[in-house]
C-alpha cells in the first residue's frame, strides 16, 4: 500500500538538456565513498553498505569521504527517488516526502555565462539531496488527491507551498522543473534569477522528456517492514559528503519539520534582495 501510494503521486522531473548529474541509487552512491570522522583522523570504514551505516546511528562527527573525482552521474532514463510517508495527524495531512540523491552538483553560471568555480573539477560540491513534499486530502485510498506541493526551490520561491491549480501535472503526478546543475525544484520552467540576478537558475528550457522516477519506500526503524540492508543509509547520522550535506534523517523534512504555510513572504516582498 505504501509503495503504491508513493508511486501513484511520484513527481515527474523535467531536466535541462544540459544537465550532467541525475538521481542515483544509494547502492551506487556508496561505492564512491568511505566513512571518516572529523574528530578521529584514524577512523574509517571502507566499502560501507546500508547496513553498516544503519549501525552507526548515535555516533557524532562522521562523514562520507569521496575516494576520487570520477563520480557516478546517473541517467534521466533510470531516475531513482526515495520516499517516506508521514501519517495524518491532528495538525498534519497525509504527507509524502520524496528524496533524490545525487553524486554532486554541477558548476552553475554567474550572470548566465561565467562559471562559479574556476577549478578544473566538473562539480561545485560533491553530494546533494533534494526533496519534494506532497500533502494529500481525502480519506479512502481512491479519494486521495493532491492538496498542495512544497518544491525545493531557491530565492523568493523557497519555502512556498503551491496549490494544485498552480503547477502542472501529468495525471496525478506533479511536474517539477529541475534547475540545471543545482537540482532545485521549481513549479514552472524558465530562468529564475537570484542574488540581484547575479546567479541564474535555469529550469526546463527545451527540457527533455519528463523522467518517471522509481519510488523506493524508506521505513522507520520502528516499522515492522524496515530493512537495514535497504534503508539504513538514510539513518546515517553524519554528512553525505565532504561538503556538509546532511543525510536524510538530519533533514527537517524527514522529521516533518516543514512550514505549515508559505514562510517566504518576506522574500517575495523584498524579492530582489533575496534573488
C-alpha atoms as a PDB file:
ATOM      1  CA  UNK A   1       0.000   0.000   0.000  1.00  0.00           C
ATOM      2  CA  UNK A   2       2.721   2.494   0.992  1.00  0.00           C
ATOM      3  CA  UNK A   3       4.844   1.884  -2.084  1.00  0.00           C
ATOM      4  CA  UNK A   4       1.795   2.064  -4.353  1.00  0.00           C
ATOM      5  CA  UNK A   5       0.868   5.421  -2.834  1.00  0.00           C
ATOM      6  CA  UNK A   6       4.365   6.805  -3.380  1.00  0.00           C
ATOM      7  CA  UNK A   7       4.438   5.593  -6.975  1.00  0.00           C
ATOM      8  CA  UNK A   8       0.930   6.906  -7.627  1.00  0.00           C
ATOM      9  CA  UNK A   9       1.887  10.523  -6.836  1.00  0.00           C
ATOM     10  CA  UNK A  10       5.634  10.455  -7.619  1.00  0.00           C
ATOM     11  CA  UNK A  11       6.690  13.692  -9.363  1.00  0.00           C
ATOM     12  CA  UNK A  12       7.706  13.811 -12.989  1.00  0.00           C
ATOM     13  CA  UNK A  13      11.001  15.628 -13.426  1.00  0.00           C
ATOM     14  CA  UNK A  14      11.908  17.825 -16.377  1.00  0.00           C
ATOM     15  CA  UNK A  15      15.699  18.061 -16.625  1.00  0.00           C
ATOM     16  CA  UNK A  16      17.516  20.751 -18.549  1.00  0.00           C
ATOM     17  CA  UNK A  17      19.118  19.270 -21.698  1.00  0.00           C
ATOM     18  CA  UNK A  18      22.499  20.444 -20.407  1.00  0.00           C
ATOM     19  CA  UNK A  19      22.184  18.568 -17.088  1.00  0.00           C
ATOM     20  CA  UNK A  20      25.119  16.296 -16.228  1.00  0.00           C
ATOM     21  CA  UNK A  21      24.149  14.721 -12.869  1.00  0.00           C
ATOM     22  CA  UNK A  22      20.968  12.752 -12.217  1.00  0.00           C
ATOM     23  CA  UNK A  23      19.456  10.952  -9.190  1.00  0.00           C
ATOM     24  CA  UNK A  24      21.138   7.630  -8.415  1.00  0.00           C
ATOM     25  CA  UNK A  25      20.601   4.717  -6.033  1.00  0.00           C
ATOM     26  CA  UNK A  26      22.071   4.651  -2.547  1.00  0.00           C
ATOM     27  CA  UNK A  27      23.942   1.480  -3.528  1.00  0.00           C
ATOM     28  CA  UNK A  28      25.712   3.257  -6.383  1.00  0.00           C
ATOM     29  CA  UNK A  29      26.371   6.266  -4.184  1.00  0.00           C
ATOM     30  CA  UNK A  30      28.098   4.174  -1.503  1.00  0.00           C
ATOM     31  CA  UNK A  31      30.525   2.636  -3.994  1.00  0.00           C
ATOM     32  CA  UNK A  32      32.181   6.071  -4.276  1.00  0.00           C
ATOM     33  CA  UNK A  33      32.803   6.755  -0.571  1.00  0.00           C
ATOM     34  CA  UNK A  34      34.173   5.564   2.745  1.00  0.00           C
ATOM     35  CA  UNK A  35      33.172   6.608   6.260  1.00  0.00           C
ATOM     36  CA  UNK A  36      35.502   9.002   8.077  1.00  0.00           C
ATOM     37  CA  UNK A  37      35.414  11.075  11.256  1.00  0.00           C
ATOM     38  CA  UNK A  38      36.057  14.775  11.764  1.00  0.00           C
ATOM     39  CA  UNK A  39      37.179  14.035  15.320  1.00  0.00           C
ATOM     40  CA  UNK A  40      39.356  10.969  14.692  1.00  0.00           C
ATOM     41  CA  UNK A  41      41.561  11.038  11.554  1.00  0.00           C
ATOM     42  CA  UNK A  42      42.358   7.338  12.036  1.00  0.00           C
ATOM     43  CA  UNK A  43      38.721   6.263  11.936  1.00  0.00           C
ATOM     44  CA  UNK A  44      37.498   4.967   8.611  1.00  0.00           C
ATOM     45  CA  UNK A  45      35.129   2.328   7.291  1.00  0.00           C
ATOM     46  CA  UNK A  46      35.864   1.105   3.785  1.00  0.00           C
ATOM     47  CA  UNK A  47      33.203  -0.243   1.434  1.00  0.00           C
ATOM     48  CA  UNK A  48      30.231   0.960   3.540  1.00  0.00           C
ATOM     49  CA  UNK A  49      26.878  -0.665   2.991  1.00  0.00           C
ATOM     50  CA  UNK A  50      23.412   0.445   4.009  1.00  0.00           C
ATOM     51  CA  UNK A  51      23.514  -1.996   6.923  1.00  0.00           C
ATOM     52  CA  UNK A  52      26.853  -0.615   8.136  1.00  0.00           C
ATOM     53  CA  UNK A  53      25.599   2.975   8.007  1.00  0.00           C
ATOM     54  CA  UNK A  54      22.495   1.969   9.932  1.00  0.00           C
ATOM     55  CA  UNK A  55      24.726   0.531  12.654  1.00  0.00           C
ATOM     56  CA  UNK A  56      26.489   3.882  13.095  1.00  0.00           C
ATOM     57  CA  UNK A  57      23.392   5.654  14.389  1.00  0.00           C
ATOM     58  CA  UNK A  58      24.164   7.625  17.519  1.00  0.00           C
ATOM     59  CA  UNK A  59      27.764   8.424  16.603  1.00  0.00           C
ATOM     60  CA  UNK A  60      28.776  12.029  16.003  1.00  0.00           C
ATOM     61  CA  UNK A  61      31.238  13.721  13.683  1.00  0.00           C
ATOM     62  CA  UNK A  62      31.048  11.223  10.815  1.00  0.00           C
ATOM     63  CA  UNK A  63      31.006  11.945   7.103  1.00  0.00           C
ATOM     64  CA  UNK A  64      31.251  10.111   3.803  1.00  0.00           C
ATOM     65  CA  UNK A  65      34.518  10.881   2.061  1.00  0.00           C
ATOM     66  CA  UNK A  66      34.610  10.618  -1.717  1.00  0.00           C
ATOM     67  CA  UNK A  67      37.501   8.481  -2.955  1.00  0.00           C
ATOM     68  CA  UNK A  68      38.009  10.110  -6.329  1.00  0.00           C
ATOM     69  CA  UNK A  69      36.857  12.624  -8.902  1.00  0.00           C
ATOM     70  CA  UNK A  70      35.248  10.129 -11.285  1.00  0.00           C
ATOM     71  CA  UNK A  71      31.694  10.398  -9.956  1.00  0.00           C
ATOM     72  CA  UNK A  72      28.656   8.386 -10.979  1.00  0.00           C
ATOM     73  CA  UNK A  73      26.442  10.759 -12.961  1.00  0.00           C
ATOM     74  CA  UNK A  74      23.294   8.696 -13.380  1.00  0.00           C
ATOM     75  CA  UNK A  75      20.855   8.896 -16.257  1.00  0.00           C
ATOM     76  CA  UNK A  76      17.466  10.542 -16.876  1.00  0.00           C
ATOM     77  CA  UNK A  77      16.320   7.166 -18.208  1.00  0.00           C
ATOM     78  CA  UNK A  78      16.910   5.480 -14.842  1.00  0.00           C
ATOM     79  CA  UNK A  79      15.964   8.177 -12.370  1.00  0.00           C
ATOM     80  CA  UNK A  80      15.563   6.974  -8.778  1.00  0.00           C
ATOM     81  CA  UNK A  81      13.824   8.554  -5.813  1.00  0.00           C
ATOM     82  CA  UNK A  82      13.287   7.510  -2.227  1.00  0.00           C
ATOM     83  CA  UNK A  83      10.020   8.173  -0.458  1.00  0.00           C
ATOM     84  CA  UNK A  84       8.708   8.447   3.052  1.00  0.00           C
ATOM     85  CA  UNK A  85       5.104   8.679   4.239  1.00  0.00           C
ATOM     86  CA  UNK A  86       4.112  10.753   7.250  1.00  0.00           C
ATOM     87  CA  UNK A  87       0.687   9.616   8.508  1.00  0.00           C
ATOM     88  CA  UNK A  88      -2.173  12.003   9.053  1.00  0.00           C
ATOM     89  CA  UNK A  89      -2.356  13.639  12.490  1.00  0.00           C
ATOM     90  CA  UNK A  90      -4.498  16.326  14.116  1.00  0.00           C
ATOM     91  CA  UNK A  91      -2.220  19.072  12.793  1.00  0.00           C
ATOM     92  CA  UNK A  92      -0.863  17.449   9.630  1.00  0.00           C
ATOM     93  CA  UNK A  93      -2.361  15.971   6.473  1.00  0.00           C
ATOM     94  CA  UNK A  94      -1.209  12.680   4.994  1.00  0.00           C
ATOM     95  CA  UNK A  95       2.169  13.679   3.584  1.00  0.00           C
ATOM     96  CA  UNK A  96       4.540  12.147   1.037  1.00  0.00           C
ATOM     97  CA  UNK A  97       8.212  13.145   1.068  1.00  0.00           C
ATOM     98  CA  UNK A  98      10.437  12.338  -1.914  1.00  0.00           C
ATOM     99  CA  UNK A  99      14.234  12.396  -1.676  1.00  0.00           C
ATOM    100  CA  UNK A 100      16.600  12.483  -4.653  1.00  0.00           C
ATOM    101  CA  UNK A 101      20.254  11.560  -4.146  1.00  0.00           C
ATOM    102  CA  UNK A 102      22.983  12.957  -6.429  1.00  0.00           C
ATOM    103  CA  UNK A 103      26.746  12.421  -6.540  1.00  0.00           C
ATOM    104  CA  UNK A 104      27.314  16.147  -6.999  1.00  0.00           C
ATOM    105  CA  UNK A 105      26.004  19.477  -8.189  1.00  0.00           C
ATOM    106  CA  UNK A 106      27.490  20.841 -11.382  1.00  0.00           C
ATOM    107  CA  UNK A 107      29.120  24.243 -11.796  1.00  0.00           C
ATOM    108  CA  UNK A 108      26.495  26.955 -12.131  1.00  0.00           C
ATOM    109  CA  UNK A 109      26.886  30.165 -14.096  1.00  0.00           C
ATOM    110  CA  UNK A 110      27.224  33.735 -12.836  1.00  0.00           C
ATOM    111  CA  UNK A 111      25.112  36.102 -14.953  1.00  0.00           C
ATOM    112  CA  UNK A 112      24.435  33.131 -17.184  1.00  0.00           C
ATOM    113  CA  UNK A 113      27.954  32.931 -18.574  1.00  0.00           C
ATOM    114  CA  UNK A 114      30.819  32.928 -16.024  1.00  0.00           C
ATOM    115  CA  UNK A 115      31.492  29.669 -14.115  1.00  0.00           C
ATOM    116  CA  UNK A 116      31.043  29.845 -10.349  1.00  0.00           C
ATOM    117  CA  UNK A 117      34.236  27.843  -9.797  1.00  0.00           C
ATOM    118  CA  UNK A 118      37.421  28.306 -11.784  1.00  0.00           C
ATOM    119  CA  UNK A 119      38.932  24.992 -10.681  1.00  0.00           C
ATOM    120  CA  UNK A 120      39.290  22.047 -13.027  1.00  0.00           C
ATOM    121  CA  UNK A 121      36.780  19.843 -11.191  1.00  0.00           C
ATOM    122  CA  UNK A 122      33.476  19.388 -13.049  1.00  0.00           C
ATOM    123  CA  UNK A 123      31.277  19.949  -9.978  1.00  0.00           C
ATOM    124  CA  UNK A 124      30.510  22.679  -7.446  1.00  0.00           C
ATOM    125  CA  UNK A 125      30.291  20.310  -4.486  1.00  0.00           C
ATOM    126  CA  UNK A 126      30.015  16.566  -4.076  1.00  0.00           C
ATOM    127  CA  UNK A 127      26.911  15.033  -2.507  1.00  0.00           C
ATOM    128  CA  UNK A 128      23.478  16.529  -2.950  1.00  0.00           C
ATOM    129  CA  UNK A 129      19.990  15.695  -1.693  1.00  0.00           C
ATOM    130  CA  UNK A 130      16.847  17.405  -2.912  1.00  0.00           C
ATOM    131  CA  UNK A 131      13.340  16.822  -1.676  1.00  0.00           C
ATOM    132  CA  UNK A 132       9.751  17.487  -2.646  1.00  0.00           C
ATOM    133  CA  UNK A 133       6.778  17.362  -0.269  1.00  0.00           C
ATOM    134  CA  UNK A 134       3.214  16.492  -1.270  1.00  0.00           C
ATOM    135  CA  UNK A 135       0.203  16.897   1.009  1.00  0.00           C
ATOM    136  CA  UNK A 136      -2.884  14.812   0.232  1.00  0.00           C
ATOM    137  CA  UNK A 137      -6.536  15.308   1.084  1.00  0.00           C
ATOM    138  CA  UNK A 138      -9.290  12.695   1.282  1.00  0.00           C
ATOM    139  CA  UNK A 139      -9.969   9.651   3.425  1.00  0.00           C
ATOM    140  CA  UNK A 140     -10.408   6.482   1.349  1.00  0.00           C
ATOM    141  CA  UNK A 141      -7.480   5.499  -0.912  1.00  0.00           C
ATOM    142  CA  UNK A 142      -9.461   6.137  -4.107  1.00  0.00           C
ATOM    143  CA  UNK A 143     -10.499   9.563  -2.792  1.00  0.00           C
ATOM    144  CA  UNK A 144      -6.961  10.826  -2.143  1.00  0.00           C
ATOM    145  CA  UNK A 145      -5.988  13.905  -4.124  1.00  0.00           C
ATOM    146  CA  UNK A 146      -3.066  16.319  -4.050  1.00  0.00           C
ATOM    147  CA  UNK A 147      -3.830  19.350  -1.923  1.00  0.00           C
ATOM    148  CA  UNK A 148      -0.541  21.223  -2.320  1.00  0.00           C
ATOM    149  CA  UNK A 149       3.170  20.743  -3.047  1.00  0.00           C
ATOM    150  CA  UNK A 150       6.313  22.221  -1.484  1.00  0.00           C
ATOM    151  CA  UNK A 151       9.024  22.492  -4.146  1.00  0.00           C
ATOM    152  CA  UNK A 152      12.676  22.596  -3.020  1.00  0.00           C
ATOM    153  CA  UNK A 153      13.346  25.929  -4.723  1.00  0.00           C
ATOM    154  CA  UNK A 154      15.661  28.904  -4.206  1.00  0.00           C
ATOM    155  CA  UNK A 155      15.293  32.610  -3.581  1.00  0.00           C
ATOM    156  CA  UNK A 156      11.842  34.160  -3.460  1.00  0.00           C
ATOM    157  CA  UNK A 157      10.229  30.761  -4.171  1.00  0.00           C
ATOM    158  CA  UNK A 158      11.951  28.898  -1.322  1.00  0.00           C
ATOM    159  CA  UNK A 159       9.532  27.596   1.319  1.00  0.00           C
ATOM    160  CA  UNK A 160       6.446  28.381  -0.723  1.00  0.00           C
ATOM    161  CA  UNK A 161       3.585  25.896  -0.952  1.00  0.00           C
ATOM    162  CA  UNK A 162       1.834  25.635  -4.296  1.00  0.00           C
ATOM    163  CA  UNK A 163      -1.821  24.674  -4.553  1.00  0.00           C
ATOM    164  CA  UNK A 164      -2.858  22.061  -7.080  1.00  0.00           C
ATOM    165  CA  UNK A 165      -4.030  24.675  -9.579  1.00  0.00           C
ATOM    166  CA  UNK A 166      -0.648  26.464  -9.513  1.00  0.00           C
ATOM    167  CA  UNK A 167       1.540  23.783 -11.064  1.00  0.00           C
ATOM    168  CA  UNK A 168       1.413  21.359 -13.961  1.00  0.00           C
ATOM    169  CA  UNK A 169       0.520  17.700 -13.569  1.00  0.00           C
ATOM    170  CA  UNK A 170       0.790  14.518 -15.591  1.00  0.00           C
ATOM    171  CA  UNK A 171      -2.381  12.745 -14.472  1.00  0.00           C
ATOM    172  CA  UNK A 172      -1.815  12.582 -10.695  1.00  0.00           C
ATOM    173  CA  UNK A 173       1.916  13.301 -10.887  1.00  0.00           C
ATOM    174  CA  UNK A 174       3.082  16.884 -10.192  1.00  0.00           C
ATOM    175  CA  UNK A 175       5.656  18.159 -12.663  1.00  0.00           C
ATOM    176  CA  UNK A 176       8.860  19.611 -11.232  1.00  0.00           C
ATOM    177  CA  UNK A 177      11.347  21.547 -13.347  1.00  0.00           C
ATOM    178  CA  UNK A 178      14.887  20.808 -12.207  1.00  0.00           C
ATOM    179  CA  UNK A 179      17.412  23.626 -12.013  1.00  0.00           C
ATOM    180  CA  UNK A 180      20.408  22.919 -14.226  1.00  0.00           C
ATOM    181  CA  UNK A 181      23.414  21.884 -12.151  1.00  0.00           C
ATOM    182  CA  UNK A 182      21.954  22.718  -8.729  1.00  0.00           C
ATOM    183  CA  UNK A 183      18.901  20.402  -8.990  1.00  0.00           C
ATOM    184  CA  UNK A 184      16.485  22.642  -7.068  1.00  0.00           C
ATOM    185  CA  UNK A 185      12.824  22.117  -7.993  1.00  0.00           C
ATOM    186  CA  UNK A 186      10.569  24.787  -9.471  1.00  0.00           C
ATOM    187  CA  UNK A 187       6.900  24.617 -10.349  1.00  0.00           C
ATOM    188  CA  UNK A 188       7.459  26.378 -13.678  1.00  0.00           C
ATOM    189  CA  UNK A 189      10.091  26.417 -16.370  1.00  0.00           C
ATOM    190  CA  UNK A 190      12.226  29.366 -17.315  1.00  0.00           C
ATOM    191  CA  UNK A 191      15.100  31.343 -15.833  1.00  0.00           C
ATOM    192  CA  UNK A 192      14.857  32.251 -12.143  1.00  0.00           C
ATOM    193  CA  UNK A 193      17.365  34.978 -11.134  1.00  0.00           C
ATOM    194  CA  UNK A 194      18.867  35.035  -7.645  1.00  0.00           C
ATOM    195  CA  UNK A 195      21.091  37.460  -5.729  1.00  0.00           C
ATOM    196  CA  UNK A 196      20.085  40.529  -7.774  1.00  0.00           C
ATOM    197  CA  UNK A 197      20.289  38.431 -10.945  1.00  0.00           C
ATOM    198  CA  UNK A 198      23.949  37.511 -10.417  1.00  0.00           C
ATOM    199  CA  UNK A 199      23.070  33.801 -10.382  1.00  0.00           C
ATOM    200  CA  UNK A 200      20.558  32.241 -12.736  1.00  0.00           C
ATOM    201  CA  UNK A 201      18.607  29.056 -12.054  1.00  0.00           C
ATOM    202  CA  UNK A 202      17.835  27.637 -15.479  1.00  0.00           C
ATOM    203  CA  UNK A 203      14.852  25.297 -15.445  1.00  0.00           C
ATOM    204  CA  UNK A 204      13.241  23.328 -18.191  1.00  0.00           C
ATOM    205  CA  UNK A 205      14.097  25.456 -21.182  1.00  0.00           C
ATOM    206  CA  UNK A 206      13.721  22.948 -24.018  1.00  0.00           C
ATOM    207  CA  UNK A 207      13.517  20.270 -21.308  1.00  0.00           C
ATOM    208  CA  UNK A 208      13.837  16.636 -22.216  1.00  0.00           C
ATOM    209  CA  UNK A 209      11.022  14.098 -21.821  1.00  0.00           C
ATOM    210  CA  UNK A 210       9.937  14.003 -18.184  1.00  0.00           C
ATOM    211  CA  UNK A 211      11.592  11.290 -16.124  1.00  0.00           C
ATOM    212  CA  UNK A 212       9.363   8.983 -14.095  1.00  0.00           C
ATOM    213  CA  UNK A 213      11.420   8.108 -11.017  1.00  0.00           C
ATOM    214  CA  UNK A 214      11.378   4.668  -9.460  1.00  0.00           C
ATOM    215  CA  UNK A 215       9.943   5.159  -5.992  1.00  0.00           C
ATOM    216  CA  UNK A 216      11.558   3.153  -3.211  1.00  0.00           C
ATOM    217  CA  UNK A 217       9.957   3.121   0.236  1.00  0.00           C
ATOM    218  CA  UNK A 218      12.047   4.084   3.231  1.00  0.00           C
ATOM    219  CA  UNK A 219      10.667   2.797   6.528  1.00  0.00           C
ATOM    220  CA  UNK A 220      11.435   3.951  10.035  1.00  0.00           C
ATOM    221  CA  UNK A 221      13.462   1.525  12.167  1.00  0.00           C
ATOM    222  CA  UNK A 222      10.371   1.107  14.358  1.00  0.00           C
ATOM    223  CA  UNK A 223       8.345  -0.214  11.435  1.00  0.00           C
ATOM    224  CA  UNK A 224       7.994  -3.985  11.015  1.00  0.00           C
ATOM    225  CA  UNK A 225       8.872  -3.737   7.312  1.00  0.00           C
ATOM    226  CA  UNK A 226      12.097  -1.833   7.926  1.00  0.00           C
ATOM    227  CA  UNK A 227      15.179  -3.416   6.369  1.00  0.00           C
ATOM    228  CA  UNK A 228      18.543  -2.004   7.356  1.00  0.00           C
ATOM    229  CA  UNK A 229      20.144  -3.598   4.293  1.00  0.00           C
ATOM    230  CA  UNK A 230      17.981  -1.418   2.040  1.00  0.00           C
ATOM    231  CA  UNK A 231      17.015   1.630   4.062  1.00  0.00           C
ATOM    232  CA  UNK A 232      19.725   2.035   6.702  1.00  0.00           C
ATOM    233  CA  UNK A 233      21.737   4.562   4.697  1.00  0.00           C
ATOM    234  CA  UNK A 234      19.017   7.163   5.326  1.00  0.00           C
ATOM    235  CA  UNK A 235      19.640   6.896   9.087  1.00  0.00           C
ATOM    236  CA  UNK A 236      23.363   7.620   8.787  1.00  0.00           C
ATOM    237  CA  UNK A 237      23.976  10.307  11.449  1.00  0.00           C
ATOM    238  CA  UNK A 238      26.664  12.253   9.603  1.00  0.00           C
ATOM    239  CA  UNK A 239      27.255  14.181   6.411  1.00  0.00           C
ATOM    240  CA  UNK A 240      26.737  12.635   2.983  1.00  0.00           C
ATOM    241  CA  UNK A 241      29.982  14.085   1.596  1.00  0.00           C
ATOM    242  CA  UNK A 242      32.981  16.283   2.305  1.00  0.00           C
ATOM    243  CA  UNK A 243      30.944  19.451   1.759  1.00  0.00           C
ATOM    244  CA  UNK A 244      28.498  19.306   4.665  1.00  0.00           C
ATOM    245  CA  UNK A 245      25.340  17.915   3.046  1.00  0.00           C
ATOM    246  CA  UNK A 246      23.113  16.365   5.722  1.00  0.00           C
ATOM    247  CA  UNK A 247      21.835  12.812   5.414  1.00  0.00           C
ATOM    248  CA  UNK A 248      18.037  12.385   5.073  1.00  0.00           C
ATOM    249  CA  UNK A 249      17.458  11.703   8.788  1.00  0.00           C
ATOM    250  CA  UNK A 250      19.038  15.067   9.595  1.00  0.00           C
ATOM    251  CA  UNK A 251      16.825  16.943   7.147  1.00  0.00           C
ATOM    252  CA  UNK A 252      13.955  18.792   8.769  1.00  0.00           C
ATOM    253  CA  UNK A 253      11.595  17.456   6.109  1.00  0.00           C
ATOM    254  CA  UNK A 254      12.416  13.866   7.104  1.00  0.00           C
ATOM    255  CA  UNK A 255      11.108  14.596  10.595  1.00  0.00           C
ATOM    256  CA  UNK A 256       8.099  16.523   9.340  1.00  0.00           C
ATOM    257  CA  UNK A 257       9.580  19.933  10.164  1.00  0.00           C
ATOM    258  CA  UNK A 258       8.400  21.887   7.154  1.00  0.00           C
ATOM    259  CA  UNK A 259       6.333  25.087   7.150  1.00  0.00           C
ATOM    260  CA  UNK A 260       2.592  24.642   7.533  1.00  0.00           C
ATOM    261  CA  UNK A 261       2.114  27.783   5.470  1.00  0.00           C
ATOM    262  CA  UNK A 262       4.367  29.536   2.984  1.00  0.00           C
ATOM    263  CA  UNK A 263       7.105  31.107   5.098  1.00  0.00           C
ATOM    264  CA  UNK A 264       8.756  33.195   2.426  1.00  0.00           C
ATOM    265  CA  UNK A 265       6.513  36.263   2.414  1.00  0.00           C
ATOM    266  CA  UNK A 266       9.491  38.456   3.306  1.00  0.00           C
ATOM    267  CA  UNK A 267      11.466  37.039   0.372  1.00  0.00           C
ATOM    268  CA  UNK A 268       8.639  37.765  -2.025  1.00  0.00           C
ATOM    269  CA  UNK A 269       8.075  41.243  -0.563  1.00  0.00           C
ATOM    270  CA  UNK A 270      11.741  42.155  -0.970  1.00  0.00           C
ATOM    271  CA  UNK A 271      12.463  39.582  -3.650  1.00  0.00           C
ATOM    272  CA  UNK A 272      15.305  41.464  -5.439  1.00  0.00           C
ATOM    273  CA  UNK A 273      17.322  41.359  -2.213  1.00  0.00           C
ATOM    274  CA  UNK A 274      16.848  37.616  -1.884  1.00  0.00           C
ATOM    275  CA  UNK A 275      17.205  36.507  -5.508  1.00  0.00           C
END
